[in-house]
Amino acid sequence: MKARNRAAMIWQKGIREGAWLTWDRIGFACLCSAIGLSLGLIWLLVVPNAFGAPNGTVLMDYFSFWLAGRQALAGVPEIVYVPAEFSALQVEISGSETVFGFFYPPTFQLLLSVFAALPYKMAFAAFVISTTALLCLSCRLITGKWLLAACLILIPACANNAFHGQNAALTAALYGFFLVGIERQRMMLAGFALGLLTIKPQLGILVPVALVASLNWRAFLGASVTTLVFAGLSAAVLGAGVWLMFWQQAPVAAAMMELGGVEWGKMISVYGSFRQFGLGHEISMAAQMLVGLGALICVWKTWRRTGDMAVRSASLIGGTLLVTPFALTYDLTLLVIPCAFLIREGLDRGFFPYDRILLAVVIGLSASTAPFAILLGIPMAPLLPAAILFLGMRRMQLIDRARQREREPDHISGTASA
């Protein structure tokens, strides 16, 4: 009997309430993460290591970003959209056969040219630090606390993104600014951030659904204007021809995904998971579309029915990572934003049962999906955005039930009086 009571207590406190997730433990974990991230970046950029080419070039994703920016400064931006020429350029500069593709629009190339004026390793560090700082600012606007914002940018997914020199911290920050703008009725901020988010178009698939469902026409208009101005600026600086080259090489990106140019285990999409299980392109894409349809319905419902941004952010970003077939492990950094909203609401109004433990699992596993998939054959990545989407949908249901219970006494009292 005592053993049963003890087990029930452990379940209640440890799992249902997550009482063991205290600030001292979280703070210690964040301190260790900060030290590890700092030392890891120093090791990557300063100490000779396995990721360095024979001439010392760090062979991470940012290498293609830096080279894309350099070609923009050199007046030949279109090279990055000719895979054979861009690959040859990388081999020539690094002395290694390891090459990276560049499938981003010219707007992102224009942004990268700002950093490309620096030497490669300095540009790598500057890009990581500045984009992570933007994410920290975004989390500060959401939570209202610098300390909590600092903790959020130290989660494993952020570290994974930093080591790759990828842009997920930037896209997550832009998503945060967009959602904060909607919440505070700053539609110019929301539209501007959303327009800049077009540097990675696949992450905006569900945003029009959310804006139409919530009748946010000003944000829609602001995003459209920003997108057109941003694209026009890139065409004016880089040349209109670079956009033609970008659209011409778009099928290459689709073919690379279909043919396994990126390891299935490094992808976080439903499509990638089904391909890792050995299923074909058509079946995997059908499963992806089915899950995507479900995510779209969830976004429509939440943005139509509630203004609670913890609910809206969880459905939109969780749904976004479920609807796109092409997303990689570092893109899980986007989950920082709904986590920030959910944690803010939990601290202010109390967490719902299992909220803390689910958030801890999502955060803790946010950089571990590739090892699980590649080494153990378990493609668990889609479960993380699915868990965030679930938290958002459940929160909406629980809030609706609580409001309904609050109205019931008034109804009963009014009936009795009559």
Protein backbone atom coordinates (compact mmCIF):
# COMPACT_ATOMS: atom_id res chain seq x y z
CA MET A 1 0.00 0.00 0.00
CA LYS A 2 2.82 2.37 0.90
CA ALA A 3 4.62 1.52 -2.33
CA ARG A 4 1.44 2.26 -4.30
CA ASN A 5 0.99 5.60 -2.53
CA ARG A 6 4.63 6.46 -3.13
CA ALA A 7 4.29 5.64 -6.84
CA ALA A 8 1.12 7.75 -7.03
CA MET A 9 2.92 10.63 -5.32
CA ILE A 10 5.86 10.39 -7.72
CA TRP A 11 3.48 10.41 -10.69
CA GLN A 12 1.50 13.34 -9.28
CA LYS A 13 4.47 15.52 -8.35
CA GLY A 14 7.06 14.37 -10.86
CA ILE A 15 5.03 13.84 -14.03
CA ARG A 16 1.65 15.52 -13.70
CA GLU A 17 2.86 18.68 -11.94
CA GLY A 18 6.57 18.59 -12.89
CA ALA A 19 7.43 19.84 -9.41
CA TRP A 20 11.08 18.82 -9.82
CA LEU A 21 11.53 21.48 -12.53
CA THR A 22 12.63 24.16 -10.07
CA TRP A 23 14.42 27.38 -10.98
CA ASP A 24 17.68 26.33 -9.31
CA ARG A 25 17.87 23.19 -11.45
CA ILE A 26 16.84 25.03 -14.60
CA GLY A 27 19.38 27.79 -13.88
CA PHE A 28 22.17 25.26 -13.33
CA ALA A 29 21.31 23.49 -16.60
CA CYS A 30 21.31 26.83 -18.45
CA LEU A 31 24.67 27.79 -16.94
CA CYS A 32 26.16 24.50 -18.09
CA SER A 33 24.63 25.03 -21.53
CA ALA A 34 26.07 28.55 -21.77
CA ILE A 35 29.55 27.32 -20.85
CA GLY A 36 29.31 24.38 -23.24
CA LEU A 37 28.04 26.54 -26.10
CA SER A 38 30.78 29.14 -25.62
CA LEU A 39 33.55 26.55 -25.41
CA GLY A 40 32.08 24.63 -28.33
CA LEU A 41 32.07 27.68 -30.62
CA ILE A 42 35.62 28.56 -29.59
CA TRP A 43 36.67 24.99 -30.36
CA LEU A 44 34.87 25.07 -33.71
CA LEU A 45 36.27 28.41 -34.88
CA VAL A 46 39.69 28.55 -33.24
CA VAL A 47 40.99 25.03 -32.57
CA PRO A 48 41.79 22.65 -35.47
CA ASN A 49 39.07 19.99 -35.49
CA ALA A 50 37.30 17.35 -37.54
CA PHE A 51 35.02 19.94 -39.14
CA GLY A 52 37.93 21.84 -40.67
CA ALA A 53 39.04 21.46 -44.28
CA PRO A 54 42.76 20.93 -45.05
CA ASN A 55 43.23 24.70 -45.27
CA GLY A 56 41.33 25.33 -42.01
CA THR A 57 37.95 26.33 -43.48
CA VAL A 58 35.15 25.32 -41.12
CA LEU A 59 32.87 23.04 -43.10
CA MET A 60 29.51 23.96 -41.66
CA ASP A 61 26.32 25.26 -43.27
CA TYR A 62 27.40 28.85 -42.81
CA PHE A 63 30.17 28.30 -45.39
CA SER A 64 27.55 28.40 -48.16
CA PHE A 65 25.95 31.49 -46.57
CA TRP A 66 29.25 33.35 -46.45
CA LEU A 67 30.12 32.42 -50.02
CA ALA A 68 26.66 33.48 -51.21
CA GLY A 69 27.18 36.86 -49.60
CA ARG A 70 30.68 37.13 -51.13
CA GLN A 71 29.29 36.49 -54.61
CA ALA A 72 26.75 39.26 -54.06
CA LEU A 73 29.57 41.65 -53.12
CA ALA A 74 31.58 40.50 -56.14
CA GLY A 75 28.69 41.27 -58.50
CA VAL A 76 28.05 37.65 -59.54
CA PRO A 77 25.20 36.57 -57.21
CA GLU A 78 23.67 34.22 -59.77
CA ILE A 79 26.51 31.68 -59.31
CA VAL A 80 24.96 30.39 -56.09
CA TYR A 81 21.91 29.24 -58.08
CA VAL A 82 23.99 27.15 -60.50
CA PRO A 83 24.76 24.04 -58.39
CA ALA A 84 27.73 22.86 -60.45
CA GLU A 85 29.47 26.26 -60.40
CA PHE A 86 28.71 26.91 -56.73
CA SER A 87 30.00 23.47 -55.76
CA ALA A 88 33.19 24.00 -57.76
CA LEU A 89 33.70 27.36 -56.04
CA GLN A 90 33.38 25.75 -52.61
CA VAL A 91 35.88 23.03 -53.50
CA GLU A 92 38.30 25.64 -54.82
CA ILE A 93 38.16 27.77 -51.67
CA SER A 94 38.06 25.02 -49.02
CA GLY A 95 40.16 22.38 -50.71
CA SER A 96 37.55 19.82 -49.62
CA GLU A 97 34.99 17.78 -51.53
CA THR A 98 32.33 18.67 -48.94
CA VAL A 99 29.87 21.13 -50.47
CA PHE A 100 26.61 22.76 -49.37
CA GLY A 101 23.62 23.82 -51.41
CA PHE A 102 22.01 27.26 -51.30
CA PHE A 103 18.24 27.17 -51.86
CA TYR A 104 17.27 30.50 -50.33
CA PRO A 105 15.79 33.47 -52.22
CA PRO A 106 17.94 36.47 -53.23
CA THR A 107 16.52 38.46 -50.29
CA PHE A 108 18.48 36.24 -47.92
CA GLN A 109 21.56 36.53 -50.11
CA LEU A 110 21.28 40.29 -49.86
CA LEU A 111 21.15 40.08 -46.07
CA LEU A 112 24.16 37.75 -46.02
CA SER A 113 26.25 40.24 -47.98
CA VAL A 114 26.35 42.41 -44.85
CA PHE A 115 28.34 39.72 -43.03
CA ALA A 116 30.35 38.59 -46.06
CA ALA A 117 32.53 41.69 -45.89
CA LEU A 118 34.20 40.05 -42.87
CA PRO A 119 36.68 37.16 -42.96
CA TYR A 120 34.91 33.80 -42.85
CA LYS A 121 35.32 32.85 -39.19
CA MET A 122 34.62 36.38 -37.99
CA ALA A 123 31.50 36.45 -40.16
CA PHE A 124 30.43 33.06 -38.75
CA ALA A 125 30.72 34.35 -35.18
CA ALA A 126 29.05 37.68 -36.01
CA PHE A 127 26.11 35.95 -37.73
CA VAL A 128 25.53 33.51 -34.86
CA ILE A 129 25.85 36.15 -32.15
CA SER A 130 23.66 38.77 -33.84
CA THR A 131 20.84 36.40 -34.83
CA THR A 132 20.85 34.74 -31.40
CA ALA A 133 20.74 38.19 -29.80
CA LEU A 134 17.66 38.98 -31.92
CA LEU A 135 16.05 35.77 -30.68
CA CYS A 136 16.86 36.77 -27.10
CA LEU A 137 15.22 40.17 -27.67
CA SER A 138 12.17 38.44 -29.15
CA CYS A 139 11.89 36.17 -26.11
CA ARG A 140 12.30 39.19 -23.83
CA LEU A 141 9.35 40.90 -25.54
CA ILE A 142 7.28 37.76 -25.05
CA THR A 143 8.16 36.93 -21.44
CA GLY A 144 9.02 40.38 -20.09
CA LYS A 145 12.10 38.94 -18.37
CA TRP A 146 15.69 39.05 -19.62
CA LEU A 147 16.73 36.11 -17.44
CA LEU A 148 14.00 33.88 -18.84
CA ALA A 149 14.86 35.02 -22.37
CA ALA A 150 18.52 34.14 -21.78
CA CYS A 151 17.51 30.69 -20.56
CA LEU A 152 15.39 30.09 -23.65
CA ILE A 153 18.18 30.83 -26.13
CA LEU A 154 20.38 28.26 -24.38
CA ILE A 155 18.15 25.27 -25.10
CA PRO A 156 19.78 22.41 -27.11
CA ALA A 157 18.08 23.36 -30.39
CA CYS A 158 19.62 26.84 -30.25
CA ALA A 159 23.05 25.38 -29.61
CA ASN A 160 22.61 22.99 -32.55
CA ASN A 161 21.63 25.91 -34.78
CA ALA A 162 24.64 27.96 -33.62
CA PHE A 163 27.13 25.16 -34.33
CA HIS A 164 25.80 24.82 -37.87
CA GLY A 165 25.85 28.58 -38.40
CA GLN A 166 22.26 28.27 -39.58
CA ASN A 167 19.48 30.84 -39.74
CA ALA A 168 16.86 29.26 -37.44
CA ALA A 169 17.56 31.76 -34.64
CA LEU A 170 16.80 34.55 -37.12
CA THR A 171 13.59 32.97 -38.41
CA ALA A 172 12.47 32.17 -34.84
CA ALA A 173 13.14 35.79 -33.82
CA LEU A 174 11.08 37.06 -36.76
CA TYR A 175 8.24 34.72 -35.81
CA GLY A 176 8.43 36.08 -32.28
CA PHE A 177 8.30 39.71 -33.45
CA PHE A 178 5.35 38.86 -35.70
CA LEU A 179 3.38 37.22 -32.87
CA VAL A 180 4.22 39.98 -30.38
CA GLY A 181 3.05 42.53 -32.95
CA ILE A 182 -0.28 40.70 -33.34
CA GLU A 183 -0.73 40.37 -29.58
CA ARG A 184 0.00 44.05 -28.90
CA GLN A 185 -1.90 45.30 -31.96
CA ARG A 186 1.32 46.61 -33.51
CA MET A 187 0.39 45.54 -37.01
CA MET A 188 3.27 47.40 -38.66
CA LEU A 189 5.75 45.40 -36.58
CA ALA A 190 3.88 42.17 -37.30
CA GLY A 191 3.73 42.82 -41.04
CA PHE A 192 7.36 43.92 -41.24
CA ALA A 193 8.62 40.82 -39.39
CA LEU A 194 6.44 38.54 -41.50
CA GLY A 195 7.69 40.14 -44.71
CA LEU A 196 11.30 39.51 -43.68
CA LEU A 197 10.41 35.91 -42.83
CA THR A 198 10.09 35.26 -46.57
CA ILE A 199 13.83 34.53 -46.54
CA LYS A 200 12.58 31.00 -45.76
CA PRO A 201 9.24 30.72 -47.60
CA GLN A 202 8.33 27.19 -46.44
CA LEU A 203 8.01 28.48 -42.87
CA GLY A 204 5.17 30.80 -43.82
CA ILE A 205 2.77 28.31 -45.38
CA LEU A 206 0.18 28.53 -42.59
CA VAL A 207 0.54 32.23 -41.78
CA PRO A 208 -2.04 33.39 -44.38
CA VAL A 209 -4.49 30.88 -42.89
CA ALA A 210 -3.93 32.37 -39.43
CA LEU A 211 -4.29 35.96 -40.62
CA VAL A 212 -7.46 35.28 -42.60
CA ALA A 213 -8.99 33.30 -39.72
CA SER A 214 -8.30 36.16 -37.29
CA LEU A 215 -9.20 38.89 -39.83
CA ASN A 216 -5.82 40.58 -39.41
CA TRP A 217 -5.92 42.39 -42.74
CA ARG A 218 -3.51 45.17 -41.70
CA ALA A 219 -0.83 42.66 -40.83
CA PHE A 220 -1.52 40.87 -44.10
CA LEU A 221 -1.14 44.13 -46.01
CA GLY A 222 2.00 45.12 -44.09
CA ALA A 223 3.58 41.74 -44.82
CA SER A 224 2.71 42.00 -48.51
CA VAL A 225 4.21 45.48 -48.82
CA THR A 226 7.35 44.47 -46.91
CA THR A 227 7.78 41.38 -49.07
CA LEU A 228 7.49 43.38 -52.29
CA VAL A 229 9.86 46.11 -51.07
CA PHE A 230 12.38 43.55 -49.81
CA ALA A 231 12.25 41.61 -53.09
CA GLY A 232 12.50 44.84 -55.10
CA LEU A 233 15.52 45.96 -53.10
CA SER A 234 17.27 42.65 -53.71
CA ALA A 235 16.51 42.90 -57.44
CA ALA A 236 17.82 46.47 -57.55
CA VAL A 237 21.05 45.58 -55.75
CA LEU A 238 21.73 42.09 -57.11
CA GLY A 239 20.02 42.38 -60.49
CA ALA A 240 16.63 41.13 -61.62
CA GLY A 241 18.24 38.14 -63.34
CA VAL A 242 19.17 36.55 -60.03
CA TRP A 243 15.49 35.99 -59.27
CA LEU A 244 15.08 34.14 -62.56
CA MET A 245 18.04 31.93 -61.66
CA PHE A 246 16.52 31.27 -58.23
CA TRP A 247 13.24 30.04 -59.72
CA GLN A 248 15.05 27.94 -62.32
CA GLN A 249 17.00 26.03 -59.67
CA ALA A 250 13.93 25.46 -57.45
CA PRO A 251 13.31 21.96 -58.93
CA VAL A 252 16.84 21.01 -57.81
CA ALA A 253 15.83 21.50 -54.19
CA ALA A 254 12.73 19.35 -54.68
CA ALA A 255 14.78 16.65 -56.41
CA MET A 256 17.39 16.71 -53.64
CA MET A 257 14.67 16.08 -51.06
CA GLU A 258 13.06 13.30 -53.09
CA LEU A 259 16.35 11.54 -53.88
CA GLY A 260 17.74 11.72 -50.35
CA GLY A 261 20.32 14.44 -50.89
CA VAL A 262 19.87 15.17 -47.20
CA GLU A 263 19.91 12.20 -44.81
CA TRP A 264 16.35 11.32 -43.82
CA GLY A 265 17.44 11.20 -40.19
CA LYS A 266 18.43 14.86 -40.29
CA MET A 267 14.98 15.89 -41.45
CA ILE A 268 12.22 16.60 -38.93
CA SER A 269 9.24 16.31 -41.24
CA VAL A 270 6.64 13.58 -41.48
CA TYR A 271 7.84 13.04 -45.05
CA GLY A 272 11.42 12.43 -43.89
CA SER A 273 10.26 10.03 -41.17
CA PHE A 274 8.24 7.93 -43.60
CA ARG A 275 11.15 7.84 -46.04
CA GLN A 276 13.43 6.60 -43.28
CA PHE A 277 10.97 3.77 -42.66
CA GLY A 278 11.62 2.74 -46.27
CA LEU A 279 8.40 4.04 -47.82
CA GLY A 280 8.37 5.67 -51.24
CA HIS A 281 8.01 9.30 -52.23
CA GLU A 282 4.30 9.16 -53.09
CA ILE A 283 3.18 7.45 -49.88
CA SER A 284 5.41 9.68 -47.75
CA MET A 285 4.13 12.81 -49.44
CA ALA A 286 0.52 11.64 -49.02
CA ALA A 287 1.14 11.19 -45.27
CA GLN A 288 2.76 14.62 -45.18
CA MET A 289 -0.24 16.20 -46.86
CA LEU A 290 -2.67 14.46 -44.50
CA VAL A 291 -0.80 15.67 -41.41
CA GLY A 292 -0.48 19.11 -43.00
CA LEU A 293 -4.22 19.29 -43.52
CA GLY A 294 -4.78 18.48 -39.86
CA ALA A 295 -2.31 21.20 -38.85
CA LEU A 296 -4.09 23.70 -41.13
CA ILE A 297 -7.44 22.93 -39.49
CA CYS A 298 -5.92 23.40 -36.03
CA VAL A 299 -4.47 26.78 -37.01
CA TRP A 300 -7.78 27.92 -38.46
CA LYS A 301 -9.69 26.90 -35.33
CA THR A 302 -7.30 28.46 -32.83
CA TRP A 303 -6.81 31.74 -34.65
CA ARG A 304 -10.54 31.97 -35.27
CA ARG A 305 -11.71 31.19 -31.73
CA THR A 306 -9.19 32.68 -29.32
CA GLY A 307 -6.81 35.58 -28.89
CA ASP A 308 -4.66 33.67 -26.38
CA MET A 309 -1.21 33.90 -27.93
CA ALA A 310 0.08 30.84 -26.10
CA VAL A 311 -2.56 28.87 -27.98
CA ARG A 312 -2.06 30.68 -31.27
CA SER A 313 1.74 30.45 -31.26
CA ALA A 314 1.71 26.76 -30.36
CA SER A 315 -0.72 25.89 -33.14
CA LEU A 316 0.94 28.08 -35.78
CA ILE A 317 4.58 27.15 -35.20
CA GLY A 318 3.91 23.55 -34.23
CA GLY A 319 1.68 23.26 -37.29
CA THR A 320 4.22 24.97 -39.53
CA LEU A 321 6.91 22.42 -38.69
CA LEU A 322 4.41 19.64 -39.37
CA VAL A 323 3.11 20.98 -42.67
CA THR A 324 6.40 21.54 -44.49
CA PRO A 325 8.12 18.46 -45.95
CA PHE A 326 11.56 20.11 -45.99
CA ALA A 327 12.76 21.05 -42.52
CA LEU A 328 15.94 20.02 -40.71
CA THR A 329 16.94 19.52 -37.09
CA TYR A 330 18.09 23.10 -36.51
CA ASP A 331 14.60 24.33 -37.49
CA LEU A 332 13.37 23.00 -34.14
CA THR A 333 14.81 26.25 -32.78
CA LEU A 334 11.45 27.77 -33.82
CA LEU A 335 9.84 25.91 -30.92
CA VAL A 336 11.53 28.40 -28.59
CA ILE A 337 8.77 30.91 -29.42
CA PRO A 338 5.68 28.88 -28.44
CA CYS A 339 7.62 27.59 -25.43
CA ALA A 340 8.20 31.21 -24.38
CA PHE A 341 4.48 32.01 -24.61
CA LEU A 342 3.44 28.81 -22.81
CA ILE A 343 5.98 29.31 -20.02
CA ARG A 344 4.92 32.95 -19.61
CA GLU A 345 1.28 31.96 -19.21
CA GLY A 346 2.20 29.10 -16.88
CA LEU A 347 4.20 31.38 -14.61
CA ASP A 348 1.49 34.05 -14.61
CA ARG A 349 -1.64 31.90 -14.32
CA GLY A 350 -0.43 28.43 -13.43
CA PHE A 351 0.52 25.45 -15.56
CA PHE A 352 -2.03 22.88 -16.66
CA PRO A 353 -1.38 19.21 -15.80
CA TYR A 354 1.58 17.72 -17.72
CA ASP A 355 2.52 21.11 -19.25
CA ARG A 356 5.89 21.29 -17.50
CA ILE A 357 6.95 17.74 -18.25
CA LEU A 358 5.97 17.99 -21.91
CA LEU A 359 7.80 21.30 -22.31
CA ALA A 360 10.86 19.78 -20.61
CA VAL A 361 10.79 16.79 -22.96
CA VAL A 362 10.45 18.98 -26.06
CA ILE A 363 13.25 21.28 -24.95
CA GLY A 364 15.51 18.46 -23.79
CA LEU A 365 15.18 16.47 -27.00
CA SER A 366 15.26 19.45 -29.37
CA ALA A 367 18.81 18.69 -30.54
CA SER A 368 18.69 14.90 -30.21
CA THR A 369 16.33 13.89 -32.99
CA ALA A 370 19.05 13.24 -35.58
CA PRO A 371 21.07 10.85 -33.36
CA PHE A 372 17.88 8.96 -32.47
CA ALA A 373 16.97 8.68 -36.15
CA ILE A 374 20.42 7.91 -37.57
CA LEU A 375 21.86 5.70 -34.83
CA LEU A 376 18.71 4.02 -33.49
CA GLY A 377 16.44 4.22 -36.52
CA ILE A 378 13.76 6.09 -34.55
CA PRO A 379 12.52 9.18 -36.45
CA MET A 380 10.94 10.93 -33.48
CA ALA A 381 11.38 14.54 -34.67
CA PRO A 382 7.76 15.20 -35.77
CA LEU A 383 6.61 14.31 -32.25
CA LEU A 384 8.16 17.52 -30.86
CA PRO A 385 6.14 20.05 -32.90
CA ALA A 386 3.15 17.71 -32.51
CA ALA A 387 3.55 17.95 -28.72
CA ILE A 388 3.61 21.76 -28.90
CA LEU A 389 0.54 21.75 -31.15
CA PHE A 390 -1.18 19.43 -28.66
CA LEU A 391 -0.36 21.78 -25.75
CA GLY A 392 -1.90 24.68 -27.64
CA MET A 393 -5.08 22.83 -28.61
CA ARG A 394 -5.52 21.38 -25.13
CA ARG A 395 -4.99 24.78 -23.55
CA MET A 396 -7.78 26.23 -25.69
CA GLN A 397 -10.13 23.43 -24.66
CA LEU A 398 -9.32 23.75 -20.95
CA ILE A 399 -9.78 27.52 -21.03
CA ASP A 400 -13.13 27.10 -22.80
CA ARG A 401 -14.28 24.59 -20.17
CA ALA A 402 -13.21 26.87 -17.33
CA ARG A 403 -15.14 29.79 -18.83
CA GLN A 404 -18.18 27.60 -19.33
CA ARG A 405 -18.10 26.53 -15.67
CA GLU A 406 -17.87 30.19 -14.62
CA ARG A 407 -21.05 30.98 -16.56
CA GLU A 408 -23.05 28.05 -15.20
CA PRO A 409 -23.79 29.48 -11.68
CA ASP A 410 -25.21 32.66 -13.22
CA HIS A 411 -27.45 30.58 -15.45
CA ILE A 412 -28.63 28.41 -12.54
CA SER A 413 -29.24 31.47 -10.34
CA GLY A 414 -31.22 33.19 -13.07
CA THR A 415 -33.36 30.09 -13.59
CA ALA A 416 -34.11 29.79 -9.87
CA SER A 417 -35.16 33.45 -9.63
CA ALA A 418 -37.55 33.06 -12.49
